[in-house]
Amino acid sequence: MAEQNRKTAEQKLWRKDAERLVEQYLDYVFCDADGESIAREGRSMMGLYLDFHGDIPKGSGFSGFCTLAAKVDRMRIRHATDWMIRARDIVTQLDGDLINALCVERLYRNRPRAAFDPISEQRYEICWGDVECAQYLGIAPGTFRNRISAGYQALVEIMRELRAAA
């Protein structure tokens, strides 16, 4: 029974390629999200109203520093490359539930994250397993594992078809 469940070297290579493709898709998603966040940065009237507890401050005409150059520099660096767009085109062929599971798996599963407790002022690491990832998605751990497996199998099939067509 265990023999039939073992992956061949070729299957392992295809899986690595599929994992790399999901990571490229995530680069595309974060590239787009970063551009949107840059566009929304800056001081607004509501923000000033909250900062100054209901009193809108009188303007002096001097902001103290210029953030436009830094924003332009960040926008120039973060643009979608051809391989990001290719990854997006392939990954978005999957069902949304599979995409969510694959993205959470690549971002959080078994990857230590540094955290800071502001009360005790101590740093510690958080490492999400299947249970935490499944909780984040609102599904059972077994369902999470099944979606990862099905998602990578579907990606491998799409990649094989694309490679055969090329």
C-alpha atoms as a PDB file:
ATOM      1  CA  MET A   1       0.000   0.000   0.000  1.00  0.00           C
ATOM      2  CA  ALA A   2       2.775   2.433   0.881  1.00  0.00           C
ATOM      3  CA  GLU A   3       4.556   1.730  -2.407  1.00  0.00           C
ATOM      4  CA  GLN A   4       1.671   2.966  -4.523  1.00  0.00           C
ATOM      5  CA  ASN A   5       1.466   6.225  -2.550  1.00  0.00           C
ATOM      6  CA  ARG A   6       5.118   7.125  -3.081  1.00  0.00           C
ATOM      7  CA  LYS A   7       5.760   9.806  -5.624  1.00  0.00           C
ATOM      8  CA  THR A   8       8.182   9.289  -8.476  1.00  0.00           C
ATOM      9  CA  ALA A   9      10.993  11.730  -9.172  1.00  0.00           C
ATOM     10  CA  GLU A  10       9.010  13.131 -12.104  1.00  0.00           C
ATOM     11  CA  GLN A  11       5.925  13.691  -9.924  1.00  0.00           C
ATOM     12  CA  LYS A  12       8.056  15.494  -7.350  1.00  0.00           C
ATOM     13  CA  LEU A  13       9.462  17.795 -10.051  1.00  0.00           C
ATOM     14  CA  TRP A  14       5.988  18.608 -11.336  1.00  0.00           C
ATOM     15  CA  ARG A  15       4.846  19.367  -7.778  1.00  0.00           C
ATOM     16  CA  LYS A  16       7.818  21.705  -7.246  1.00  0.00           C
ATOM     17  CA  ASP A  17       6.965  23.479 -10.508  1.00  0.00           C
ATOM     18  CA  ALA A  18       3.343  23.842  -9.365  1.00  0.00           C
ATOM     19  CA  GLU A  19       4.460  25.241  -5.993  1.00  0.00           C
ATOM     20  CA  ARG A  20       6.716  27.720  -7.782  1.00  0.00           C
ATOM     21  CA  LEU A  21       3.792  28.725  -9.998  1.00  0.00           C
ATOM     22  CA  VAL A  22       1.600  29.440  -6.943  1.00  0.00           C
ATOM     23  CA  GLU A  23       4.401  31.561  -5.467  1.00  0.00           C
ATOM     24  CA  GLN A  24       4.624  33.522  -8.730  1.00  0.00           C
ATOM     25  CA  TYR A  25       0.857  34.000  -8.616  1.00  0.00           C
ATOM     26  CA  LEU A  26       1.196  35.342  -5.064  1.00  0.00           C
ATOM     27  CA  ASP A  27       3.880  37.753  -6.292  1.00  0.00           C
ATOM     28  CA  TYR A  28       1.354  38.997  -8.849  1.00  0.00           C
ATOM     29  CA  VAL A  29      -1.381  39.365  -6.204  1.00  0.00           C
ATOM     30  CA  PHE A  30       0.894  41.288  -3.843  1.00  0.00           C
ATOM     31  CA  CYS A  31       2.245  43.416  -6.667  1.00  0.00           C
ATOM     32  CA  ASP A  32      -1.282  44.509  -7.504  1.00  0.00           C
ATOM     33  CA  ALA A  33      -2.225  44.988  -3.842  1.00  0.00           C
ATOM     34  CA  ASP A  34       0.892  47.082  -3.228  1.00  0.00           C
ATOM     35  CA  GLY A  35      -0.016  49.374  -6.123  1.00  0.00           C
ATOM     36  CA  GLU A  36      -3.514  49.854  -4.754  1.00  0.00           C
ATOM     37  CA  SER A  37      -2.213  50.615  -1.273  1.00  0.00           C
ATOM     38  CA  ILE A  38       0.215  53.196  -2.661  1.00  0.00           C
ATOM     39  CA  ALA A  39      -2.646  54.881  -4.472  1.00  0.00           C
ATOM     40  CA  ARG A  40      -4.641  55.135  -1.242  1.00  0.00           C
ATOM     41  CA  GLU A  41      -1.793  56.416   0.918  1.00  0.00           C
ATOM     42  CA  GLY A  42      -1.676  59.958   2.086  1.00  0.00           C
ATOM     43  CA  ARG A  43      -3.505  62.293   4.357  1.00  0.00           C
ATOM     44  CA  SER A  44      -7.221  62.760   3.877  1.00  0.00           C
ATOM     45  CA  MET A  45      -9.673  65.152   5.461  1.00  0.00           C
ATOM     46  CA  MET A  46     -11.210  62.326   7.512  1.00  0.00           C
ATOM     47  CA  GLY A  47      -7.773  61.263   8.667  1.00  0.00           C
ATOM     48  CA  LEU A  48      -6.920  64.799   9.733  1.00  0.00           C
ATOM     49  CA  TYR A  49     -10.257  65.102  11.489  1.00  0.00           C
ATOM     50  CA  LEU A  50      -9.518  61.947  13.491  1.00  0.00           C
ATOM     51  CA  ASP A  51      -5.888  62.858  14.173  1.00  0.00           C
ATOM     52  CA  PHE A  52      -6.812  66.243  15.597  1.00  0.00           C
ATOM     53  CA  HIS A  53      -9.846  65.041  17.577  1.00  0.00           C
ATOM     54  CA  GLY A  54     -12.510  66.848  15.574  1.00  0.00           C
ATOM     55  CA  ASP A  55     -10.611  70.056  14.867  1.00  0.00           C
ATOM     56  CA  ILE A  56      -9.301  70.517  11.369  1.00  0.00           C
ATOM     57  CA  PRO A  57      -5.829  72.082  11.667  1.00  0.00           C
ATOM     58  CA  LYS A  58      -4.849  75.249   9.934  1.00  0.00           C
ATOM     59  CA  GLY A  59      -2.472  74.607   7.064  1.00  0.00           C
ATOM     60  CA  SER A  60       1.014  76.044   7.044  1.00  0.00           C
ATOM     61  CA  GLY A  61       1.788  75.121   3.465  1.00  0.00           C
ATOM     62  CA  PHE A  62       4.770  73.022   4.562  1.00  0.00           C
ATOM     63  CA  SER A  63       4.431  69.293   4.997  1.00  0.00           C
ATOM     64  CA  GLY A  64       7.910  68.769   6.402  1.00  0.00           C
ATOM     65  CA  PHE A  65       8.931  66.175   3.849  1.00  0.00           C
ATOM     66  CA  CYS A  66       8.022  64.974   0.406  1.00  0.00           C
ATOM     67  CA  THR A  67       6.698  61.449   0.100  1.00  0.00           C
ATOM     68  CA  LEU A  68       5.862  61.628  -3.592  1.00  0.00           C
ATOM     69  CA  ALA A  69       9.338  60.571  -4.708  1.00  0.00           C
ATOM     70  CA  ALA A  70       9.269  57.516  -2.438  1.00  0.00           C
ATOM     71  CA  LYS A  71       5.817  56.533  -3.747  1.00  0.00           C
ATOM     72  CA  VAL A  72       6.928  56.878  -7.351  1.00  0.00           C
ATOM     73  CA  ASP A  73       9.998  54.765  -6.616  1.00  0.00           C
ATOM     74  CA  ARG A  74       7.861  52.030  -5.018  1.00  0.00           C
ATOM     75  CA  MET A  75       5.453  52.097  -7.952  1.00  0.00           C
ATOM     76  CA  ARG A  76       8.311  51.781 -10.435  1.00  0.00           C
ATOM     77  CA  ILE A  77       9.736  48.734  -8.666  1.00  0.00           C
ATOM     78  CA  ARG A  78       6.445  46.833  -8.290  1.00  0.00           C
ATOM     79  CA  HIS A  79       5.083  46.033 -11.718  1.00  0.00           C
ATOM     80  CA  ALA A  80       3.663  42.770 -13.001  1.00  0.00           C
ATOM     81  CA  THR A  81       6.210  40.836 -15.031  1.00  0.00           C
ATOM     82  CA  ASP A  82       5.435  38.389 -17.827  1.00  0.00           C
ATOM     83  CA  TRP A  83       5.969  35.361 -15.590  1.00  0.00           C
ATOM     84  CA  MET A  84       3.611  36.822 -12.962  1.00  0.00           C
ATOM     85  CA  ILE A  85       0.898  37.301 -15.579  1.00  0.00           C
ATOM     86  CA  ARG A  86       1.495  33.793 -16.943  1.00  0.00           C
ATOM     87  CA  ALA A  87       1.143  32.372 -13.420  1.00  0.00           C
ATOM     88  CA  ARG A  88      -2.068  34.365 -12.924  1.00  0.00           C
ATOM     89  CA  ASP A  89      -3.505  33.038 -16.183  1.00  0.00           C
ATOM     90  CA  ILE A  90      -2.781  29.436 -15.186  1.00  0.00           C
ATOM     91  CA  VAL A  91      -3.785  29.571 -11.513  1.00  0.00           C
ATOM     92  CA  THR A  92      -7.045  31.425 -12.138  1.00  0.00           C
ATOM     93  CA  GLN A  93      -8.260  28.459 -14.190  1.00  0.00           C
ATOM     94  CA  LEU A  94      -8.768  26.649 -10.877  1.00  0.00           C
ATOM     95  CA  ASP A  95     -11.794  26.863  -8.609  1.00  0.00           C
ATOM     96  CA  GLY A  96     -11.661  29.697  -6.053  1.00  0.00           C
ATOM     97  CA  ASP A  97     -11.626  27.318  -3.081  1.00  0.00           C
ATOM     98  CA  LEU A  98      -8.570  25.527  -4.473  1.00  0.00           C
ATOM     99  CA  ILE A  99      -6.792  28.822  -5.138  1.00  0.00           C
ATOM    100  CA  ASN A 100      -7.452  29.975  -1.568  1.00  0.00           C
ATOM    101  CA  ALA A 101      -6.153  26.725  -0.105  1.00  0.00           C
ATOM    102  CA  LEU A 102      -3.003  26.790  -2.270  1.00  0.00           C
ATOM    103  CA  CYS A 103      -2.277  30.420  -1.400  1.00  0.00           C
ATOM    104  CA  VAL A 104      -2.718  29.855   2.338  1.00  0.00           C
ATOM    105  CA  GLU A 105      -0.540  26.748   2.088  1.00  0.00           C
ATOM    106  CA  ARG A 106       2.289  28.605   0.355  1.00  0.00           C
ATOM    107  CA  LEU A 107       2.065  31.634   2.651  1.00  0.00           C
ATOM    108  CA  TYR A 108       1.493  30.138   6.082  1.00  0.00           C
ATOM    109  CA  ARG A 109       1.760  26.368   6.330  1.00  0.00           C
ATOM    110  CA  ASN A 110       4.859  25.315   8.298  1.00  0.00           C
ATOM    111  CA  ARG A 111       6.484  28.719   7.819  1.00  0.00           C
ATOM    112  CA  PRO A 112       7.595  30.434  11.023  1.00  0.00           C
ATOM    113  CA  ARG A 113       6.478  34.038  11.434  1.00  0.00           C
ATOM    114  CA  ALA A 114       7.949  36.477  13.905  1.00  0.00           C
ATOM    115  CA  ALA A 115       5.468  38.097  16.284  1.00  0.00           C
ATOM    116  CA  PHE A 116       5.785  40.749  18.959  1.00  0.00           C
ATOM    117  CA  ASP A 117       3.745  40.866  22.151  1.00  0.00           C
ATOM    118  CA  PRO A 118       3.283  44.568  23.015  1.00  0.00           C
ATOM    119  CA  ILE A 119       2.381  43.852  26.634  1.00  0.00           C
ATOM    120  CA  SER A 120       5.372  41.699  27.586  1.00  0.00           C
ATOM    121  CA  GLU A 121       7.552  43.196  24.816  1.00  0.00           C
ATOM    122  CA  GLN A 122       8.796  39.750  23.834  1.00  0.00           C
ATOM    123  CA  ARG A 123       9.357  38.411  20.350  1.00  0.00           C
ATOM    124  CA  TYR A 124       8.266  34.898  19.508  1.00  0.00           C
ATOM    125  CA  GLU A 125       7.581  32.721  16.483  1.00  0.00           C
ATOM    126  CA  ILE A 126       4.240  31.482  15.248  1.00  0.00           C
ATOM    127  CA  CYS A 127       4.116  28.459  12.963  1.00  0.00           C
ATOM    128  CA  TRP A 128       0.799  27.515  11.383  1.00  0.00           C
ATOM    129  CA  GLY A 129       0.014  23.879  10.758  1.00  0.00           C
ATOM    130  CA  ASP A 130      -2.915  22.330   8.932  1.00  0.00           C
ATOM    131  CA  VAL A 131      -5.336  23.061  11.776  1.00  0.00           C
ATOM    132  CA  GLU A 132      -4.577  26.801  11.877  1.00  0.00           C
ATOM    133  CA  CYS A 133      -4.637  27.136   8.082  1.00  0.00           C
ATOM    134  CA  ALA A 134      -7.963  25.284   7.934  1.00  0.00           C
ATOM    135  CA  GLN A 135      -9.395  27.489  10.691  1.00  0.00           C
ATOM    136  CA  TYR A 136      -8.339  30.569   8.742  1.00  0.00           C
ATOM    137  CA  LEU A 137     -10.274  29.292   5.710  1.00  0.00           C
ATOM    138  CA  GLY A 138     -13.210  28.115   7.827  1.00  0.00           C
ATOM    139  CA  ILE A 139     -12.916  24.463   6.805  1.00  0.00           C
ATOM    140  CA  ALA A 140     -11.860  21.172   8.384  1.00  0.00           C
ATOM    141  CA  PRO A 141      -8.149  20.209   8.335  1.00  0.00           C
ATOM    142  CA  GLY A 142      -8.901  17.157   6.173  1.00  0.00           C
ATOM    143  CA  THR A 143     -10.725  19.346   3.666  1.00  0.00           C
ATOM    144  CA  PHE A 144      -7.767  21.731   3.635  1.00  0.00           C
ATOM    145  CA  ARG A 145      -5.354  18.890   2.839  1.00  0.00           C
ATOM    146  CA  ASN A 146      -7.711  17.527   0.162  1.00  0.00           C
ATOM    147  CA  ARG A 147      -7.988  20.938  -1.501  1.00  0.00           C
ATOM    148  CA  ILE A 148      -4.212  21.318  -1.553  1.00  0.00           C
ATOM    149  CA  SER A 149      -3.800  17.912  -3.128  1.00  0.00           C
ATOM    150  CA  ALA A 150      -6.556  18.505  -5.681  1.00  0.00           C
ATOM    151  CA  GLY A 151      -5.250  21.996  -6.442  1.00  0.00           C
ATOM    152  CA  TYR A 152      -1.712  20.850  -7.158  1.00  0.00           C
ATOM    153  CA  GLN A 153      -2.969  17.905  -9.231  1.00  0.00           C
ATOM    154  CA  ALA A 154      -5.097  20.270 -11.311  1.00  0.00           C
ATOM    155  CA  LEU A 155      -2.178  22.679 -11.754  1.00  0.00           C
ATOM    156  CA  VAL A 156       0.105  19.862 -12.853  1.00  0.00           C
ATOM    157  CA  GLU A 157      -2.461  18.759 -15.426  1.00  0.00           C
ATOM    158  CA  ILE A 158      -2.784  22.295 -16.811  1.00  0.00           C
ATOM    159  CA  MET A 159       0.996  22.674 -16.927  1.00  0.00           C
ATOM    160  CA  ARG A 160       1.393  19.336 -18.721  1.00  0.00           C
ATOM    161  CA  GLU A 161      -1.199  20.348 -21.309  1.00  0.00           C
ATOM    162  CA  LEU A 162       0.543  23.676 -21.870  1.00  0.00           C
ATOM    163  CA  ARG A 163       3.934  22.005 -22.192  1.00  0.00           C
ATOM    164  CA  ALA A 164       2.571  19.434 -24.651  1.00  0.00           C
ATOM    165  CA  ALA A 165       0.977  22.180 -26.732  1.00  0.00           C
ATOM    166  CA  ALA A 166       4.200  24.167 -26.909  1.00  0.00           C
END
